[in-house]
Amino acid sequence: MKLTGHGRRAHMKLGAAGERIATLLYLRRGYGILARNWRCSYGELDIVARDGGVLVFAEVKTLRRESIYTPRDNLSRKQLRRDLRAAAAFREKFASDKTPWRFELVEVVIRNRFSVKIRRTRLSLA
């Protein structure tokens, strides 16, 4: 389903709010934020952070409510492949081949202004 007009703006606003919340989560855990919404020809990385000596590439998925499906259900294999190629481009440009890295999914459910649920998962890429 392709969103247009007001629906698309609301969707983008919700996604941006989820990314801000995820960024705060990483900062509170002592991570350094290297980039937000980093773009290259392969796609966009929502958050690139540093956890000690490890690069962390985070994809953020946000919903207003959780019912029979979760934010994770919005991460397609196609998007994951794009994100992995973008992460490789980031590492090639800014890091050594030997720099350890991992990929994480941050699921944010914004129920209302006072109730937010966050789940962070390290994705196994094997």
PDB file of N, CA and C in Angstrom:
ATOM      1  N   MET A   1       0.837  -1.170   0.000  1.00  0.00           N
ATOM      2  CA  MET A   1       0.000   0.000   0.000  1.00  0.00           C
ATOM      3  C   MET A   1       0.889   1.244   0.000  1.00  0.00           C
ATOM      4  N   LYS A   2       0.690   2.101  -0.970  1.00  0.00           N
ATOM      5  CA  LYS A   2       1.465   3.328  -1.105  1.00  0.00           C
ATOM      6  C   LYS A   2       0.738   4.464  -0.397  1.00  0.00           C
ATOM      7  N   LEU A   3       1.415   5.105   0.536  1.00  0.00           N
ATOM      8  CA  LEU A   3       0.814   6.228   1.252  1.00  0.00           C
ATOM      9  C   LEU A   3       1.057   7.522   0.500  1.00  0.00           C
ATOM     10  N   THR A   4       0.048   8.397   0.511  1.00  0.00           N
ATOM     11  CA  THR A   4       0.192   9.704  -0.125  1.00  0.00           C
ATOM     12  C   THR A   4      -0.377  10.773   0.802  1.00  0.00           C
ATOM     13  N   GLY A   5      -0.028  12.014   0.530  1.00  0.00           N
ATOM     14  CA  GLY A   5      -0.597  13.147   1.250  1.00  0.00           C
ATOM     15  C   GLY A   5      -0.430  13.069   2.754  1.00  0.00           C
ATOM     16  N   HIS A   6      -1.531  13.323   3.467  1.00  0.00           N
ATOM     17  CA  HIS A   6      -1.511  13.368   4.927  1.00  0.00           C
ATOM     18  C   HIS A   6      -1.068  12.033   5.536  1.00  0.00           C
ATOM     19  N   GLY A   7      -1.499  10.929   4.964  1.00  0.00           N
ATOM     20  CA  GLY A   7      -1.120   9.609   5.476  1.00  0.00           C
ATOM     21  C   GLY A   7       0.379   9.399   5.438  1.00  0.00           C
ATOM     22  N   ARG A   8       1.007   9.825   4.361  1.00  0.00           N
ATOM     23  CA  ARG A   8       2.468   9.692   4.240  1.00  0.00           C
ATOM     24  C   ARG A   8       3.178  10.596   5.245  1.00  0.00           C
ATOM     25  N   ARG A   9       2.684  11.821   5.403  1.00  0.00           N
ATOM     26  CA  ARG A   9       3.310  12.740   6.371  1.00  0.00           C
ATOM     27  C   ARG A   9       3.207  12.175   7.787  1.00  0.00           C
ATOM     28  N   ALA A  10       2.047  11.643   8.141  1.00  0.00           N
ATOM     29  CA  ALA A  10       1.868  11.070   9.476  1.00  0.00           C
ATOM     30  C   ALA A  10       2.783   9.870   9.673  1.00  0.00           C
ATOM     31  N   HIS A  11       2.927   9.056   8.628  1.00  0.00           N
ATOM     32  CA  HIS A  11       3.803   7.884   8.685  1.00  0.00           C
ATOM     33  C   HIS A  11       5.259   8.315   8.891  1.00  0.00           C
ATOM     34  N   MET A  12       5.705   9.321   8.147  1.00  0.00           N
ATOM     35  CA  MET A  12       7.076   9.822   8.261  1.00  0.00           C
ATOM     36  C   MET A  12       7.317  10.440   9.637  1.00  0.00           C
ATOM     37  N   LYS A  13       6.329  11.167  10.154  1.00  0.00           N
ATOM     38  CA  LYS A  13       6.445  11.785  11.468  1.00  0.00           C
ATOM     39  C   LYS A  13       6.570  10.716  12.562  1.00  0.00           C
ATOM     40  N   LEU A  14       5.771   9.657  12.448  1.00  0.00           N
ATOM     41  CA  LEU A  14       5.837   8.564  13.412  1.00  0.00           C
ATOM     42  C   LEU A  14       7.205   7.890  13.353  1.00  0.00           C
ATOM     43  N   GLY A  15       7.698   7.633  12.139  1.00  0.00           N
ATOM     44  CA  GLY A  15       9.015   7.017  11.980  1.00  0.00           C
ATOM     45  C   GLY A  15      10.129   7.874  12.562  1.00  0.00           C
ATOM     46  N   ALA A  16      10.059   9.183  12.340  1.00  0.00           N
ATOM     47  CA  ALA A  16      11.074  10.098  12.886  1.00  0.00           C
ATOM     48  C   ALA A  16      11.028  10.104  14.416  1.00  0.00           C
ATOM     49  N   ALA A  17       9.824  10.049  14.987  1.00  0.00           N
ATOM     50  CA  ALA A  17       9.700   9.992  16.455  1.00  0.00           C
ATOM     51  C   ALA A  17      10.327   8.709  16.988  1.00  0.00           C
ATOM     52  N   GLY A  18      10.082   7.590  16.311  1.00  0.00           N
ATOM     53  CA  GLY A  18      10.687   6.322  16.732  1.00  0.00           C
ATOM     54  C   GLY A  18      12.202   6.370  16.669  1.00  0.00           C
ATOM     55  N   GLU A  19      12.736   6.990  15.635  1.00  0.00           N
ATOM     56  CA  GLU A  19      14.189   7.103  15.505  1.00  0.00           C
ATOM     57  C   GLU A  19      14.780   7.985  16.602  1.00  0.00           C
ATOM     58  N   ARG A  20      14.083   9.063  16.975  1.00  0.00           N
ATOM     59  CA  ARG A  20      14.565   9.911  18.086  1.00  0.00           C
ATOM     60  C   ARG A  20      14.573   9.120  19.388  1.00  0.00           C
ATOM     61  N   ILE A  21      13.519   8.351  19.634  1.00  0.00           N
ATOM     62  CA  ILE A  21      13.440   7.541  20.858  1.00  0.00           C
ATOM     63  C   ILE A  21      14.561   6.504  20.876  1.00  0.00           C
ATOM     64  N   ALA A  22      14.801   5.848  19.739  1.00  0.00           N
ATOM     65  CA  ALA A  22      15.871   4.853  19.664  1.00  0.00           C
ATOM     66  C   ALA A  22      17.240   5.497  19.885  1.00  0.00           C
ATOM     67  N   THR A  23      17.443   6.681  19.328  1.00  0.00           N
ATOM     68  CA  THR A  23      18.709   7.391  19.529  1.00  0.00           C
ATOM     69  C   THR A  23      18.923   7.680  21.014  1.00  0.00           C
ATOM     70  N   LEU A  24      17.878   8.132  21.694  1.00  0.00           N
ATOM     71  CA  LEU A  24      17.984   8.386  23.138  1.00  0.00           C
ATOM     72  C   LEU A  24      18.318   7.113  23.907  1.00  0.00           C
ATOM     73  N   LEU A  25      17.729   5.993  23.496  1.00  0.00           N
ATOM     74  CA  LEU A  25      18.036   4.712  24.128  1.00  0.00           C
ATOM     75  C   LEU A  25      19.520   4.406  24.017  1.00  0.00           C
ATOM     76  N   TYR A  26      20.070   4.549  22.825  1.00  0.00           N
ATOM     77  CA  TYR A  26      21.502   4.282  22.637  1.00  0.00           C
ATOM     78  C   TYR A  26      22.364   5.254  23.455  1.00  0.00           C
ATOM     79  N   LEU A  27      22.009   6.527  23.457  1.00  0.00           N
ATOM     80  CA  LEU A  27      22.787   7.503  24.227  1.00  0.00           C
ATOM     81  C   LEU A  27      22.757   7.176  25.714  1.00  0.00           C
ATOM     82  N   ARG A  28      21.597   6.805  26.234  1.00  0.00           N
ATOM     83  CA  ARG A  28      21.487   6.465  27.661  1.00  0.00           C
ATOM     84  C   ARG A  28      22.287   5.223  28.018  1.00  0.00           C
ATOM     85  N   ARG A  29      22.505   4.362  27.049  1.00  0.00           N
ATOM     86  CA  ARG A  29      23.302   3.158  27.298  1.00  0.00           C
ATOM     87  C   ARG A  29      24.787   3.398  27.052  1.00  0.00           C
ATOM     88  N   GLY A  30      25.151   4.636  26.771  1.00  0.00           N
ATOM     89  CA  GLY A  30      26.555   4.988  26.627  1.00  0.00           C
ATOM     90  C   GLY A  30      27.126   4.822  25.227  1.00  0.00           C
ATOM     91  N   TYR A  31      26.294   4.598  24.250  1.00  0.00           N
ATOM     92  CA  TYR A  31      26.772   4.478  22.874  1.00  0.00           C
ATOM     93  C   TYR A  31      27.058   5.872  22.321  1.00  0.00           C
ATOM     94  N   GLY A  32      27.998   5.939  21.399  1.00  0.00           N
ATOM     95  CA  GLY A  32      28.221   7.173  20.658  1.00  0.00           C
ATOM     96  C   GLY A  32      27.435   7.107  19.361  1.00  0.00           C
ATOM     97  N   ILE A  33      26.734   8.164  19.021  1.00  0.00           N
ATOM     98  CA  ILE A  33      25.981   8.197  17.767  1.00  0.00           C
ATOM     99  C   ILE A  33      26.890   8.782  16.691  1.00  0.00           C
ATOM    100  N   LEU A  34      27.165   7.996  15.663  1.00  0.00           N
ATOM    101  CA  LEU A  34      28.031   8.439  14.578  1.00  0.00           C
ATOM    102  C   LEU A  34      27.235   9.073  13.444  1.00  0.00           C
ATOM    103  N   ALA A  35      26.034   8.553  13.197  1.00  0.00           N
ATOM    104  CA  ALA A  35      25.214   9.095  12.104  1.00  0.00           C
ATOM    105  C   ALA A  35      23.764   8.705  12.314  1.00  0.00           C
ATOM    106  N   ARG A  36      22.884   9.582  11.819  1.00  0.00           N
ATOM    107  CA  ARG A  36      21.452   9.282  11.751  1.00  0.00           C
ATOM    108  C   ARG A  36      21.014   9.513  10.320  1.00  0.00           C
ATOM    109  N   ASN A  37      20.215   8.602   9.823  1.00  0.00           N
ATOM    110  CA  ASN A  37      19.707   8.689   8.457  1.00  0.00           C
ATOM    111  C   ASN A  37      20.836   8.857   7.434  1.00  0.00           C
ATOM    112  N   TRP A  38      21.890   8.034   7.596  1.00  0.00           N
ATOM    113  CA  TRP A  38      23.029   8.074   6.675  1.00  0.00           C
ATOM    114  C   TRP A  38      22.620   7.428   5.362  1.00  0.00           C
ATOM    115  N   ARG A  39      22.826   8.153   4.266  1.00  0.00           N
ATOM    116  CA  ARG A  39      22.391   7.678   2.955  1.00  0.00           C
ATOM    117  C   ARG A  39      23.564   7.424   2.028  1.00  0.00           C
ATOM    118  N   CYS A  40      23.364   6.403   1.202  1.00  0.00           N
ATOM    119  CA  CYS A  40      24.296   6.110   0.121  1.00  0.00           C
ATOM    120  C   CYS A  40      23.467   5.535  -1.032  1.00  0.00           C
ATOM    121  N   SER A  41      24.108   5.091  -2.080  1.00  0.00           N
ATOM    122  CA  SER A  41      23.364   4.585  -3.241  1.00  0.00           C
ATOM    123  C   SER A  41      22.584   3.304  -2.932  1.00  0.00           C
ATOM    124  N   TYR A  42      22.947   2.602  -1.867  1.00  0.00           N
ATOM    125  CA  TYR A  42      22.265   1.350  -1.522  1.00  0.00           C
ATOM    126  C   TYR A  42      21.020   1.559  -0.667  1.00  0.00           C
ATOM    127  N   GLY A  43      20.952   2.686   0.023  1.00  0.00           N
ATOM    128  CA  GLY A  43      19.815   2.924   0.897  1.00  0.00           C
ATOM    129  C   GLY A  43      20.194   3.836   2.048  1.00  0.00           C
ATOM    130  N   GLU A  44      19.450   3.706   3.120  1.00  0.00           N
ATOM    131  CA  GLU A  44      19.631   4.576   4.280  1.00  0.00           C
ATOM    132  C   GLU A  44      19.758   3.746   5.547  1.00  0.00           C
ATOM    133  N   LEU A  45      20.689   4.154   6.403  1.00  0.00           N
ATOM    134  CA  LEU A  45      20.844   3.545   7.723  1.00  0.00           C
ATOM    135  C   LEU A  45      20.209   4.483   8.734  1.00  0.00           C
ATOM    136  N   ASP A  46      19.250   3.982   9.514  1.00  0.00           N
ATOM    137  CA  ASP A  46      18.559   4.843  10.472  1.00  0.00           C
ATOM    138  C   ASP A  46      19.513   5.394  11.520  1.00  0.00           C
ATOM    139  N   ILE A  47      20.305   4.503  12.131  1.00  0.00           N
ATOM    140  CA  ILE A  47      21.254   4.928  13.173  1.00  0.00           C
ATOM    141  C   ILE A  47      22.542   4.134  12.996  1.00  0.00           C
ATOM    142  N   VAL A  48      23.658   4.839  13.067  1.00  0.00           N
ATOM    143  CA  VAL A  48      24.970   4.196  13.143  1.00  0.00           C
ATOM    144  C   VAL A  48      25.569   4.663  14.455  1.00  0.00           C
ATOM    145  N   ALA A  49      25.917   3.702  15.304  1.00  0.00           N
ATOM    146  CA  ALA A  49      26.424   4.029  16.632  1.00  0.00           C
ATOM    147  C   ALA A  49      27.717   3.253  16.901  1.00  0.00           C
ATOM    148  N   ARG A  50      28.369   3.631  17.985  1.00  0.00           N
ATOM    149  CA  ARG A  50      29.570   2.918  18.419  1.00  0.00           C
ATOM    150  C   ARG A  50      29.348   2.453  19.850  1.00  0.00           C
ATOM    151  N   ASP A  51      29.512   1.153  20.052  1.00  0.00           N
ATOM    152  CA  ASP A  51      29.433   0.536  21.370  1.00  0.00           C
ATOM    153  C   ASP A  51      30.836   0.063  21.709  1.00  0.00           C
ATOM    154  N   GLY A  52      31.605   0.925  22.393  1.00  0.00           N
ATOM    155  CA  GLY A  52      33.017   0.617  22.596  1.00  0.00           C
ATOM    156  C   GLY A  52      33.701   0.635  21.243  1.00  0.00           C
ATOM    157  N   GLY A  53      34.299  -0.502  20.860  1.00  0.00           N
ATOM    158  CA  GLY A  53      34.966  -0.595  19.573  1.00  0.00           C
ATOM    159  C   GLY A  53      34.115  -1.227  18.492  1.00  0.00           C
ATOM    160  N   VAL A  54      32.844  -1.433  18.753  1.00  0.00           N
ATOM    161  CA  VAL A  54      31.961  -2.128  17.811  1.00  0.00           C
ATOM    162  C   VAL A  54      31.028  -1.125  17.123  1.00  0.00           C
ATOM    163  N   LEU A  55      30.959  -1.195  15.796  1.00  0.00           N
ATOM    164  CA  LEU A  55      29.981  -0.401  15.062  1.00  0.00           C
ATOM    165  C   LEU A  55      28.623  -1.081  15.174  1.00  0.00           C
ATOM    166  N   VAL A  56      27.600  -0.293  15.420  1.00  0.00           N
ATOM    167  CA  VAL A  56      26.237  -0.817  15.516  1.00  0.00           C
ATOM    168  C   VAL A  56      25.387  -0.121  14.458  1.00  0.00           C
ATOM    169  N   PHE A  57      24.815  -0.926  13.572  1.00  0.00           N
ATOM    170  CA  PHE A  57      23.905  -0.418  12.549  1.00  0.00           C
ATOM    171  C   PHE A  57      22.503  -0.784  12.995  1.00  0.00           C
ATOM    172  N   ALA A  58      21.654   0.223  13.172  1.00  0.00           N
ATOM    173  CA  ALA A  58      20.312  -0.027  13.702  1.00  0.00           C
ATOM    174  C   ALA A  58      19.238   0.373  12.710  1.00  0.00           C
ATOM    175  N   GLU A  59      18.313  -0.531  12.514  1.00  0.00           N
ATOM    176  CA  GLU A  59      17.098  -0.258  11.745  1.00  0.00           C
ATOM    177  C   GLU A  59      15.990  -0.064  12.767  1.00  0.00           C
ATOM    178  N   VAL A  60      15.242   1.023  12.643  1.00  0.00           N
ATOM    179  CA  VAL A  60      14.181   1.344  13.594  1.00  0.00           C
ATOM    180  C   VAL A  60      12.828   1.156  12.909  1.00  0.00           C
ATOM    181  N   LYS A  61      11.953   0.417  13.561  1.00  0.00           N
ATOM    182  CA  LYS A  61      10.592   0.210  13.065  1.00  0.00           C
ATOM    183  C   LYS A  61       9.629   0.673  14.151  1.00  0.00           C
ATOM    184  N   THR A  62       8.668   1.496  13.767  1.00  0.00           N
ATOM    185  CA  THR A  62       7.771   2.127  14.734  1.00  0.00           C
ATOM    186  C   THR A  62       6.314   1.889  14.358  1.00  0.00           C
ATOM    187  N   LEU A  63       5.508   1.610  15.371  1.00  0.00           N
ATOM    188  CA  LEU A  63       4.056   1.489  15.205  1.00  0.00           C
ATOM    189  C   LEU A  63       3.357   2.312  16.276  1.00  0.00           C
ATOM    190  N   ARG A  64       2.108   2.630  16.037  1.00  0.00           N
ATOM    191  CA  ARG A  64       1.278   3.314  17.035  1.00  0.00           C
ATOM    192  C   ARG A  64       0.690   2.333  18.029  1.00  0.00           C
ATOM    193  N   ARG A  65       0.429   1.130  17.577  1.00  0.00           N
ATOM    194  CA  ARG A  65      -0.104   0.118  18.483  1.00  0.00           C
ATOM    195  C   ARG A  65       0.366  -1.244  18.008  1.00  0.00           C
ATOM    196  N   GLU A  66       0.409  -2.158  18.928  1.00  0.00           N
ATOM    197  CA  GLU A  66       0.827  -3.513  18.621  1.00  0.00           C
ATOM    198  C   GLU A  66      -0.403  -4.399  18.740  1.00  0.00           C
ATOM    199  N   SER A  67      -0.688  -5.124  17.700  1.00  0.00           N
ATOM    200  CA  SER A  67      -1.835  -6.025  17.756  1.00  0.00           C
ATOM    201  C   SER A  67      -1.345  -7.412  17.388  1.00  0.00           C
ATOM    202  N   ILE A  68      -1.845  -7.966  16.308  1.00  0.00           N
ATOM    203  CA  ILE A  68      -1.388  -9.294  15.923  1.00  0.00           C
ATOM    204  C   ILE A  68      -0.037  -9.244  15.221  1.00  0.00           C
ATOM    205  N   TYR A  69       0.396  -8.055  14.855  1.00  0.00           N
ATOM    206  CA  TYR A  69       1.737  -7.974  14.295  1.00  0.00           C
ATOM    207  C   TYR A  69       2.541  -6.878  14.972  1.00  0.00           C
ATOM    208  N   THR A  70       3.853  -7.013  14.898  1.00  0.00           N
ATOM    209  CA  THR A  70       4.777  -6.149  15.620  1.00  0.00           C
ATOM    210  C   THR A  70       5.565  -5.288  14.626  1.00  0.00           C
ATOM    211  N   PRO A  71       6.294  -4.298  15.114  1.00  0.00           N
ATOM    212  CA  PRO A  71       7.119  -3.502  14.202  1.00  0.00           C
ATOM    213  C   PRO A  71       8.089  -4.369  13.394  1.00  0.00           C
ATOM    214  N   ARG A  72       8.585  -5.442  14.016  1.00  0.00           N
ATOM    215  CA  ARG A  72       9.529  -6.344  13.345  1.00  0.00           C
ATOM    216  C   ARG A  72       8.943  -6.894  12.038  1.00  0.00           C
ATOM    217  N   ASP A  73       7.638  -7.090  12.014  1.00  0.00           N
ATOM    218  CA  ASP A  73       6.990  -7.630  10.821  1.00  0.00           C
ATOM    219  C   ASP A  73       7.127  -6.709   9.611  1.00  0.00           C
ATOM    220  N   ASN A  74       7.492  -5.451   9.834  1.00  0.00           N
ATOM    221  CA  ASN A  74       7.686  -4.493   8.743  1.00  0.00           C
ATOM    222  C   ASN A  74       9.097  -4.521   8.159  1.00  0.00           C
ATOM    223  N   LEU A  75       9.972  -5.375   8.686  1.00  0.00           N
ATOM    224  CA  LEU A  75      11.341  -5.473   8.154  1.00  0.00           C
ATOM    225  C   LEU A  75      11.381  -6.614   7.146  1.00  0.00           C
ATOM    226  N   SER A  76      11.420  -6.253   5.882  1.00  0.00           N
ATOM    227  CA  SER A  76      11.435  -7.265   4.815  1.00  0.00           C
ATOM    228  C   SER A  76      12.865  -7.731   4.547  1.00  0.00           C
ATOM    229  N   ARG A  77      12.980  -8.876   3.926  1.00  0.00           N
ATOM    230  CA  ARG A  77      14.306  -9.382   3.530  1.00  0.00           C
ATOM    231  C   ARG A  77      14.968  -8.409   2.556  1.00  0.00           C
ATOM    232  N   LYS A  78      14.166  -7.829   1.673  1.00  0.00           N
ATOM    233  CA  LYS A  78      14.696  -6.865   0.700  1.00  0.00           C
ATOM    234  C   LYS A  78      15.297  -5.658   1.409  1.00  0.00           C
ATOM    235  N   GLN A  79      14.595  -5.140   2.403  1.00  0.00           N
ATOM    236  CA  GLN A  79      15.123  -3.990   3.140  1.00  0.00           C
ATOM    237  C   GLN A  79      16.369  -4.374   3.926  1.00  0.00           C
ATOM    238  N   LEU A  80      16.361  -5.549   4.529  1.00  0.00           N
ATOM    239  CA  LEU A  80      17.531  -5.999   5.281  1.00  0.00           C
ATOM    240  C   LEU A  80      18.744  -6.106   4.355  1.00  0.00           C
ATOM    241  N   ARG A  81      18.554  -6.630   3.156  1.00  0.00           N
ATOM    242  CA  ARG A  81      19.662  -6.704   2.188  1.00  0.00           C
ATOM    243  C   ARG A  81      20.178  -5.308   1.832  1.00  0.00           C
ATOM    244  N   ARG A  82      19.248  -4.360   1.608  1.00  0.00           N
ATOM    245  CA  ARG A  82      19.664  -2.971   1.316  1.00  0.00           C
ATOM    246  C   ARG A  82      20.452  -2.389   2.483  1.00  0.00           C
ATOM    247  N   ASP A  83      19.952  -2.626   3.697  1.00  0.00           N
ATOM    248  CA  ASP A  83      20.630  -2.101   4.885  1.00  0.00           C
ATOM    249  C   ASP A  83      22.025  -2.705   5.042  1.00  0.00           C
ATOM    250  N   LEU A  84      22.162  -3.985   4.766  1.00  0.00           N
ATOM    251  CA  LEU A  84      23.476  -4.634   4.872  1.00  0.00           C
ATOM    252  C   LEU A  84      24.451  -4.082   3.845  1.00  0.00           C
ATOM    253  N   ARG A  85      23.955  -3.810   2.633  1.00  0.00           N
ATOM    254  CA  ARG A  85      24.828  -3.198   1.613  1.00  0.00           C
ATOM    255  C   ARG A  85      25.215  -1.775   2.024  1.00  0.00           C
ATOM    256  N   ALA A  86      24.271  -1.027   2.584  1.00  0.00           N
ATOM    257  CA  ALA A  86      24.581   0.326   3.055  1.00  0.00           C
ATOM    258  C   ALA A  86      25.591   0.268   4.204  1.00  0.00           C
ATOM    259  N   ALA A  87      25.436  -0.711   5.095  1.00  0.00           N
ATOM    260  CA  ALA A  87      26.387  -0.862   6.211  1.00  0.00           C
ATOM    261  C   ALA A  87      27.784  -1.173   5.676  1.00  0.00           C
ATOM    262  N   ALA A  88      27.865  -2.014   4.646  1.00  0.00           N
ATOM    263  CA  ALA A  88      29.165  -2.319   4.038  1.00  0.00           C
ATOM    264  C   ALA A  88      29.781  -1.053   3.428  1.00  0.00           C
ATOM    265  N   ALA A  89      28.952  -0.230   2.804  1.00  0.00           N
ATOM    266  CA  ALA A  89      29.448   1.027   2.226  1.00  0.00           C
ATOM    267  C   ALA A  89      29.945   1.960   3.325  1.00  0.00           C
ATOM    268  N   PHE A  90      29.220   2.035   4.437  1.00  0.00           N
ATOM    269  CA  PHE A  90      29.638   2.873   5.555  1.00  0.00           C
ATOM    270  C   PHE A  90      30.984   2.388   6.096  1.00  0.00           C
ATOM    271  N   ARG A  91      31.102   1.077   6.296  1.00  0.00           N
ATOM    272  CA  ARG A  91      32.363   0.522   6.824  1.00  0.00           C
ATOM    273  C   ARG A  91      33.505   0.785   5.859  1.00  0.00           C
ATOM    274  N   GLU A  92      33.246   0.643   4.573  1.00  0.00           N
ATOM    275  CA  GLU A  92      34.294   0.877   3.572  1.00  0.00           C
ATOM    276  C   GLU A  92      34.768   2.330   3.608  1.00  0.00           C
ATOM    277  N   LYS A  93      33.839   3.245   3.822  1.00  0.00           N
ATOM    278  CA  LYS A  93      34.175   4.674   3.795  1.00  0.00           C
ATOM    279  C   LYS A  93      34.788   5.164   5.107  1.00  0.00           C
ATOM    280  N   PHE A  94      34.309   4.649   6.242  1.00  0.00           N
ATOM    281  CA  PHE A  94      34.674   5.244   7.530  1.00  0.00           C
ATOM    282  C   PHE A  94      35.397   4.323   8.514  1.00  0.00           C
ATOM    283  N   ALA A  95      35.510   3.032   8.218  1.00  0.00           N
ATOM    284  CA  ALA A  95      36.084   2.116   9.210  1.00  0.00           C
ATOM    285  C   ALA A  95      37.024   1.127   8.528  1.00  0.00           C
ATOM    286  N   SER A  96      37.780   0.451   9.346  1.00  0.00           N
ATOM    287  CA  SER A  96      38.678  -0.589   8.877  1.00  0.00           C
ATOM    288  C   SER A  96      37.881  -1.869   8.614  1.00  0.00           C
ATOM    289  N   ASP A  97      38.398  -2.707   7.715  1.00  0.00           N
ATOM    290  CA  ASP A  97      37.761  -4.005   7.467  1.00  0.00           C
ATOM    291  C   ASP A  97      37.734  -4.863   8.732  1.00  0.00           C
ATOM    292  N   LYS A  98      38.647  -4.585   9.630  1.00  0.00           N
ATOM    293  CA  LYS A  98      38.758  -5.384  10.852  1.00  0.00           C
ATOM    294  C   LYS A  98      37.862  -4.868  11.988  1.00  0.00           C
ATOM    295  N   THR A  99      37.203  -3.730  11.775  1.00  0.00           N
ATOM    296  CA  THR A  99      36.331  -3.174  12.809  1.00  0.00           C
ATOM    297  C   THR A  99      35.134  -4.090  13.015  1.00  0.00           C
ATOM    298  N   PRO A 100      34.937  -4.589  14.252  1.00  0.00           N
ATOM    299  CA  PRO A 100      33.771  -5.445  14.496  1.00  0.00           C
ATOM    300  C   PRO A 100      32.482  -4.637  14.378  1.00  0.00           C
ATOM    301  N   TRP A 101      31.421  -5.321  13.963  1.00  0.00           N
ATOM    302  CA  TRP A 101      30.143  -4.641  13.776  1.00  0.00           C
ATOM    303  C   TRP A 101      29.007  -5.614  14.036  1.00  0.00           C
ATOM    304  N   ARG A 102      27.842  -5.032  14.250  1.00  0.00           N
ATOM    305  CA  ARG A 102      26.633  -5.846  14.386  1.00  0.00           C
ATOM    306  C   ARG A 102      25.437  -5.029  13.884  1.00  0.00           C
ATOM    307  N   PHE A 103      24.378  -5.758  13.630  1.00  0.00           N
ATOM    308  CA  PHE A 103      23.166  -5.143  13.125  1.00  0.00           C
ATOM    309  C   PHE A 103      22.065  -5.362  14.156  1.00  0.00           C
ATOM    310  N   GLU A 104      21.328  -4.300  14.467  1.00  0.00           N
ATOM    311  CA  GLU A 104      20.258  -4.398  15.455  1.00  0.00           C
ATOM    312  C   GLU A 104      18.954  -3.851  14.885  1.00  0.00           C
ATOM    313  N   LEU A 105      17.876  -4.415  15.391  1.00  0.00           N
ATOM    314  CA  LEU A 105      16.540  -3.915  15.087  1.00  0.00           C
ATOM    315  C   LEU A 105      15.994  -3.297  16.362  1.00  0.00           C
ATOM    316  N   VAL A 106      15.531  -2.064  16.260  1.00  0.00           N
ATOM    317  CA  VAL A 106      14.888  -1.400  17.400  1.00  0.00           C
ATOM    318  C   VAL A 106      13.409  -1.256  17.052  1.00  0.00           C
ATOM    319  N   GLU A 107      12.575  -1.901  17.855  1.00  0.00           N
ATOM    320  CA  GLU A 107      11.130  -1.829  17.653  1.00  0.00           C
ATOM    321  C   GLU A 107      10.562  -0.844  18.666  1.00  0.00           C
ATOM    322  N   VAL A 108       9.821   0.127  18.178  1.00  0.00           N
ATOM    323  CA  VAL A 108       9.235   1.153  19.032  1.00  0.00           C
ATOM    324  C   VAL A 108       7.725   1.139  18.811  1.00  0.00           C
ATOM    325  N   VAL A 109       6.985   1.041  19.910  1.00  0.00           N
ATOM    326  CA  VAL A 109       5.528   1.158  19.846  1.00  0.00           C
ATOM    327  C   VAL A 109       5.156   2.370  20.687  1.00  0.00           C
ATOM    328  N   ILE A 110       4.627   3.399  20.028  1.00  0.00           N
ATOM    329  CA  ILE A 110       4.236   4.632  20.704  1.00  0.00           C
ATOM    330  C   ILE A 110       2.726   4.563  20.913  1.00  0.00           C
ATOM    331  N   ARG A 111       2.330   4.183  22.113  1.00  0.00           N
ATOM    332  CA  ARG A 111       0.902   4.044  22.395  1.00  0.00           C
ATOM    333  C   ARG A 111       0.233   5.403  22.563  1.00  0.00           C
ATOM    334  N   ASN A 112       0.912   6.301  23.264  1.00  0.00           N
ATOM    335  CA  ASN A 112       0.469   7.684  23.422  1.00  0.00           C
ATOM    336  C   ASN A 112       1.668   8.476  23.923  1.00  0.00           C
ATOM    337  N   ARG A 113       1.473   9.726  24.285  1.00  0.00           N
ATOM    338  CA  ARG A 113       2.603  10.571  24.722  1.00  0.00           C
ATOM    339  C   ARG A 113       3.305  10.031  25.949  1.00  0.00           C
ATOM    340  N   PHE A 114       2.616   9.220  26.746  1.00  0.00           N
ATOM    341  CA  PHE A 114       3.164   8.787  28.027  1.00  0.00           C
ATOM    342  C   PHE A 114       3.507   7.307  28.070  1.00  0.00           C
ATOM    343  N   SER A 115       3.266   6.583  27.001  1.00  0.00           N
ATOM    344  CA  SER A 115       3.483   5.144  27.002  1.00  0.00           C
ATOM    345  C   SER A 115       4.200   4.711  25.734  1.00  0.00           C
ATOM    346  N   VAL A 116       5.452   4.295  25.905  1.00  0.00           N
ATOM    347  CA  VAL A 116       6.276   3.849  24.788  1.00  0.00           C
ATOM    348  C   VAL A 116       6.885   2.501  25.153  1.00  0.00           C
ATOM    349  N   LYS A 117       6.844   1.584  24.226  1.00  0.00           N
ATOM    350  CA  LYS A 117       7.465   0.270  24.419  1.00  0.00           C
ATOM    351  C   LYS A 117       8.624   0.167  23.429  1.00  0.00           C
ATOM    352  N   ILE A 118       9.796  -0.252  23.921  1.00  0.00           N
ATOM    353  CA  ILE A 118      10.982  -0.366  23.074  1.00  0.00           C
ATOM    354  C   ILE A 118      11.567  -1.761  23.245  1.00  0.00           C
ATOM    355  N   ARG A 119      11.912  -2.383  22.123  1.00  0.00           N
ATOM    356  CA  ARG A 119      12.581  -3.681  22.163  1.00  0.00           C
ATOM    357  C   ARG A 119      13.755  -3.615  21.188  1.00  0.00           C
ATOM    358  N   ARG A 120      14.946  -3.947  21.685  1.00  0.00           N
ATOM    359  CA  ARG A 120      16.143  -3.932  20.860  1.00  0.00           C
ATOM    360  C   ARG A 120      16.613  -5.373  20.686  1.00  0.00           C
ATOM    361  N   THR A 121      16.872  -5.774  19.435  1.00  0.00           N
ATOM    362  CA  THR A 121      17.268  -7.145  19.160  1.00  0.00           C
ATOM    363  C   THR A 121      18.504  -7.143  18.261  1.00  0.00           C
ATOM    364  N   ARG A 122      19.496  -7.908  18.658  1.00  0.00           N
ATOM    365  CA  ARG A 122      20.647  -8.111  17.767  1.00  0.00           C
ATOM    366  C   ARG A 122      20.230  -9.136  16.727  1.00  0.00           C
ATOM    367  N   LEU A 123      20.399  -8.797  15.469  1.00  0.00           N
ATOM    368  CA  LEU A 123      19.987  -9.689  14.407  1.00  0.00           C
ATOM    369  C   LEU A 123      21.130 -10.628  14.037  1.00  0.00           C
ATOM    370  N   SER A 124      20.807 -11.890  13.949  1.00  0.00           N
ATOM    371  CA  SER A 124      21.764 -12.894  13.492  1.00  0.00           C
ATOM    372  C   SER A 124      21.720 -12.900  11.975  1.00  0.00           C
ATOM    373  N   LEU A 125      22.859 -12.692  11.362  1.00  0.00           N
ATOM    374  CA  LEU A 125      22.898 -12.560   9.902  1.00  0.00           C
ATOM    375  C   LEU A 125      23.530 -13.776   9.241  1.00  0.00           C
ATOM    376  N   ALA A 126      23.653 -14.853   9.984  1.00  0.00           N
ATOM    377  CA  ALA A 126      24.266 -16.069   9.437  1.00  0.00           C
ATOM    378  C   ALA A 126      23.326 -16.811   8.534  1.00  0.00           C
TER     379      ALA A 126
END
